[in-house]
């Protein structure tokens, strides 16, 4: 005859095997504090005087900008060293000077052309500074304000990018501007005597 199973509730449990009661933690220890949000530090950089924003010295943009500036500076120096600096004579300079003055006159820029022909330009001992004397400060101001095209022309034609034109005021300077074709021709002939030989060779009119 089979034995009847004893219900689980009736199975005796030793006193040393009974689980101890779990003491609940205080409610204060169970509360979870909200996580602290760390906000990024924003460095406010004021704009520069010309309105362009300044770049922080510690940003990637500033490092990139600094490298670009260094590369551009090197390129400018390299380009400056590669520009032609060919020597030229005062005669060559004056021929081109008067040619440009004539071009200005033909183009209606009579005042600038007159300033250029008031006196003969002189080549300085350094070989690239061209000096011109004008009678007053007003003519000097006008000439300096409009000489950029002239300087560029001379640098290109003379193959020397060190060429500069400096104006000095001499109130005792008298105008020697050649107004008539004959006077202009005599002025050019004084600079280059070979011009008269060419005129006679080809039977040209003044």
Protein backbone atom coordinates (compact mmCIF):
# COMPACT_ATOMS: atom_id res chain seq x y z
CA UNK A 1 0.00 0.00 0.00
CA UNK A 2 1.45 3.38 -1.10
CA UNK A 3 2.11 6.11 1.50
CA UNK A 4 0.13 9.32 1.15
CA UNK A 5 2.24 12.50 0.36
CA UNK A 6 2.51 14.98 3.19
CA UNK A 7 1.29 18.52 2.22
CA UNK A 8 4.06 21.11 1.89
CA UNK A 9 2.55 23.26 4.55
CA UNK A 10 2.84 20.42 6.97
CA UNK A 11 6.57 19.76 6.26
CA UNK A 12 8.45 20.71 9.37
CA UNK A 13 11.25 23.26 8.93
CA UNK A 14 14.12 23.46 11.29
CA UNK A 15 14.28 26.65 13.26
CA UNK A 16 17.85 27.42 12.09
CA UNK A 17 16.77 27.21 8.40
CA UNK A 18 13.99 29.80 8.66
CA UNK A 19 14.88 33.06 6.83
CA UNK A 20 15.31 36.10 9.01
CA UNK A 21 13.03 39.05 8.41
CA UNK A 22 14.39 41.78 6.03
CA UNK A 23 14.54 45.18 7.63
CA UNK A 24 13.45 47.83 5.11
CA UNK A 25 15.82 50.80 4.47
CA UNK A 26 14.76 54.24 5.60
CA UNK A 27 12.76 56.15 2.99
CA UNK A 28 15.38 58.92 2.88
CA UNK A 29 18.01 56.48 1.60
CA UNK A 30 15.72 55.17 -1.12
CA UNK A 31 15.20 58.60 -2.70
CA UNK A 32 17.20 59.12 -5.94
CA UNK A 33 18.63 62.58 -6.34
CA UNK A 34 18.24 64.26 -9.72
CA UNK A 35 21.48 64.01 -11.74
CA UNK A 36 23.54 67.16 -11.82
CA UNK A 37 23.58 68.71 -15.29
CA UNK A 38 27.00 70.09 -16.18
CA UNK A 39 26.58 73.04 -18.47
CA UNK A 40 29.35 73.79 -20.95
CA UNK A 41 31.38 76.88 -20.22
CA UNK A 42 30.74 79.48 -22.88
CA UNK A 43 33.56 81.96 -23.38
CA UNK A 44 32.16 85.22 -24.58
CA UNK A 45 34.53 86.92 -27.00
CA UNK A 46 33.94 90.53 -27.92
CA UNK A 47 33.97 91.61 -31.52
CA UNK A 48 36.99 93.44 -32.83
CA UNK A 49 36.96 97.12 -33.72
CA UNK A 50 36.15 96.44 -37.36
CA UNK A 51 33.10 94.35 -36.47
CA UNK A 52 34.56 90.92 -37.22
CA UNK A 53 34.24 88.39 -34.37
CA UNK A 54 37.43 87.51 -32.56
CA UNK A 55 38.36 83.87 -32.26
CA UNK A 56 39.30 82.33 -28.92
CA UNK A 57 42.96 81.40 -28.73
CA UNK A 58 42.01 77.94 -27.45
CA UNK A 59 39.50 76.97 -30.15
CA UNK A 60 40.18 74.77 -33.17
CA UNK A 61 39.10 77.62 -35.41
CA UNK A 62 41.80 79.86 -33.97
CA UNK A 63 44.47 77.23 -34.54
CA UNK A 64 43.32 76.76 -38.12
CA UNK A 65 43.18 80.50 -38.66
CA UNK A 66 46.69 80.94 -37.25
CA UNK A 67 48.05 78.26 -39.59
CA UNK A 68 46.35 79.86 -42.57
CA UNK A 69 47.79 83.25 -41.67
CA UNK A 70 51.26 81.74 -41.37
CA UNK A 71 50.93 80.02 -44.75
CA UNK A 72 49.65 83.21 -46.39
CA UNK A 73 52.53 85.19 -44.87
CA UNK A 74 55.03 82.68 -46.23
CA UNK A 75 53.38 82.84 -49.65
CA UNK A 76 53.60 86.64 -49.70
CA UNK A 77 57.28 86.57 -48.75
CA UNK A 78 57.99 83.89 -51.34
CA UNK A 79 56.08 85.80 -54.01
CA UNK A 80 57.90 89.02 -53.14
CA UNK A 81 61.26 87.30 -53.47
CA UNK A 82 60.29 85.87 -56.86
CA UNK A 83 59.20 89.23 -58.37
CA UNK A 84 61.63 90.70 -60.93
CA UNK A 85 64.10 93.32 -59.77
CA UNK A 86 65.91 94.10 -62.99
CA UNK A 87 68.23 97.10 -63.08
CA UNK A 88 67.30 99.98 -65.41
CA UNK A 89 68.72 103.32 -66.46
CA UNK A 90 67.32 106.77 -65.92
CA UNK A 91 66.95 107.16 -69.68
CA UNK A 92 64.77 104.04 -69.91
CA UNK A 93 62.68 105.28 -67.03
CA UNK A 94 62.15 108.73 -68.56
CA UNK A 95 61.11 107.31 -71.92
CA UNK A 96 58.41 105.23 -70.26
CA UNK A 97 57.50 108.15 -67.97
CA UNK A 98 56.80 110.44 -70.90
CA UNK A 99 55.03 107.70 -72.83
CA UNK A 100 52.65 107.19 -69.93
CA UNK A 101 52.14 110.96 -69.56
CA UNK A 102 51.19 111.13 -73.23
CA UNK A 103 48.74 108.28 -72.77
CA UNK A 104 47.12 110.11 -69.86
CA UNK A 105 46.88 113.28 -71.89
CA UNK A 106 45.29 111.47 -74.83
CA UNK A 107 42.83 109.88 -72.41
CA UNK A 108 41.72 113.23 -71.04
CA UNK A 109 43.69 113.14 -67.78
CA UNK A 110 45.40 116.43 -68.54
CA UNK A 111 46.14 117.46 -64.95
CA UNK A 112 48.04 114.31 -64.05
CA UNK A 113 49.90 114.44 -67.37
CA UNK A 114 50.89 118.04 -66.63
CA UNK A 115 52.19 117.12 -63.18
CA UNK A 116 54.33 114.39 -64.73
CA UNK A 117 55.90 116.80 -67.19
CA UNK A 118 56.42 119.83 -64.95
CA UNK A 119 59.90 118.50 -64.20
CA UNK A 120 62.02 115.62 -65.32
CA UNK A 121 61.93 112.68 -62.91
CA UNK A 122 65.25 111.71 -61.37
CA UNK A 123 66.40 108.18 -60.55
CA UNK A 124 67.81 107.91 -57.05
CA UNK A 125 71.16 106.27 -56.27
CA UNK A 126 69.38 103.17 -54.93
CA UNK A 127 68.33 102.33 -58.49
CA UNK A 128 64.57 102.07 -57.92
CA UNK A 129 63.34 105.30 -56.25
CA UNK A 130 62.10 107.91 -58.74
CA UNK A 131 61.95 111.47 -57.43
CA UNK A 132 59.82 114.25 -58.85
CA UNK A 133 59.66 117.88 -57.75
CA UNK A 134 56.32 119.71 -57.81
CA UNK A 135 55.71 123.40 -57.04
CA UNK A 136 53.27 123.11 -54.11
CA UNK A 137 51.60 120.82 -51.59
CA UNK A 138 48.34 120.77 -53.54
CA UNK A 139 49.95 119.35 -56.66
CA UNK A 140 51.83 116.82 -54.53
CA UNK A 141 48.57 115.65 -52.93
CA UNK A 142 46.85 115.27 -56.32
CA UNK A 143 49.80 113.42 -57.80
CA UNK A 144 50.15 111.02 -54.86
CA UNK A 145 46.42 110.27 -55.00
CA UNK A 146 46.63 109.23 -58.66
CA UNK A 147 50.11 107.73 -59.03
CA UNK A 148 49.20 104.07 -58.38
CA UNK A 149 48.56 103.30 -62.06
CA UNK A 150 51.81 105.02 -63.02
CA UNK A 151 53.82 103.01 -60.48
CA UNK A 152 52.27 99.76 -61.69
CA UNK A 153 53.06 100.66 -65.29
CA UNK A 154 56.68 101.47 -64.52
CA UNK A 155 57.18 98.31 -62.46
CA UNK A 156 55.85 96.17 -65.27
CA UNK A 157 57.69 97.85 -68.13
CA UNK A 158 60.97 98.20 -66.24
CA UNK A 159 60.70 94.65 -64.82
CA UNK A 160 61.43 95.90 -61.34
CA UNK A 161 58.77 95.68 -58.63
CA UNK A 162 60.80 97.73 -56.15
CA UNK A 163 60.08 100.92 -58.13
CA UNK A 164 58.54 103.73 -56.07
CA UNK A 165 57.76 107.32 -56.99
CA UNK A 166 58.40 110.00 -54.37
CA UNK A 167 57.26 113.60 -54.74
CA UNK A 168 59.01 116.53 -53.11
CA UNK A 169 57.70 120.08 -52.92
CA UNK A 170 59.95 122.79 -54.30
CA UNK A 171 58.18 126.14 -54.47
CA UNK A 172 60.92 127.57 -56.69
CA UNK A 173 60.25 124.93 -59.33
CA UNK A 174 59.25 126.41 -62.66
CA UNK A 175 56.99 124.53 -65.03
CA UNK A 176 58.81 123.05 -67.99
CA UNK A 177 55.76 121.30 -69.40
CA UNK A 178 55.89 120.87 -73.17
CA UNK A 179 52.61 122.11 -74.56
CA UNK A 180 53.25 122.07 -78.31
CA UNK A 181 54.22 118.98 -80.36
CA UNK A 182 57.54 120.59 -81.18
CA UNK A 183 58.34 121.21 -77.52
CA UNK A 184 57.33 117.66 -76.66
CA UNK A 185 59.58 116.35 -79.42
CA UNK A 186 62.53 118.39 -78.23
CA UNK A 187 61.95 117.10 -74.73
CA UNK A 188 61.96 113.48 -75.91
CA UNK A 189 64.97 114.09 -78.17
CA UNK A 190 66.94 115.42 -75.21
CA UNK A 191 66.22 112.17 -73.39
CA UNK A 192 67.01 109.94 -76.37
CA UNK A 193 69.03 111.51 -79.21
CA UNK A 194 68.47 108.44 -81.38
CA UNK A 195 64.86 109.57 -81.75
CA UNK A 196 65.93 112.36 -84.11
CA UNK A 197 67.88 109.90 -86.26
CA UNK A 198 64.79 107.70 -86.59
CA UNK A 199 62.66 110.69 -87.52
CA UNK A 200 65.06 111.67 -90.31
CA UNK A 201 65.48 108.06 -91.49
CA UNK A 202 61.73 107.58 -91.97
CA UNK A 203 61.04 111.21 -92.89
CA UNK A 204 58.52 111.63 -90.09
CA UNK A 205 56.75 114.81 -89.10
CA UNK A 206 56.89 116.13 -85.60
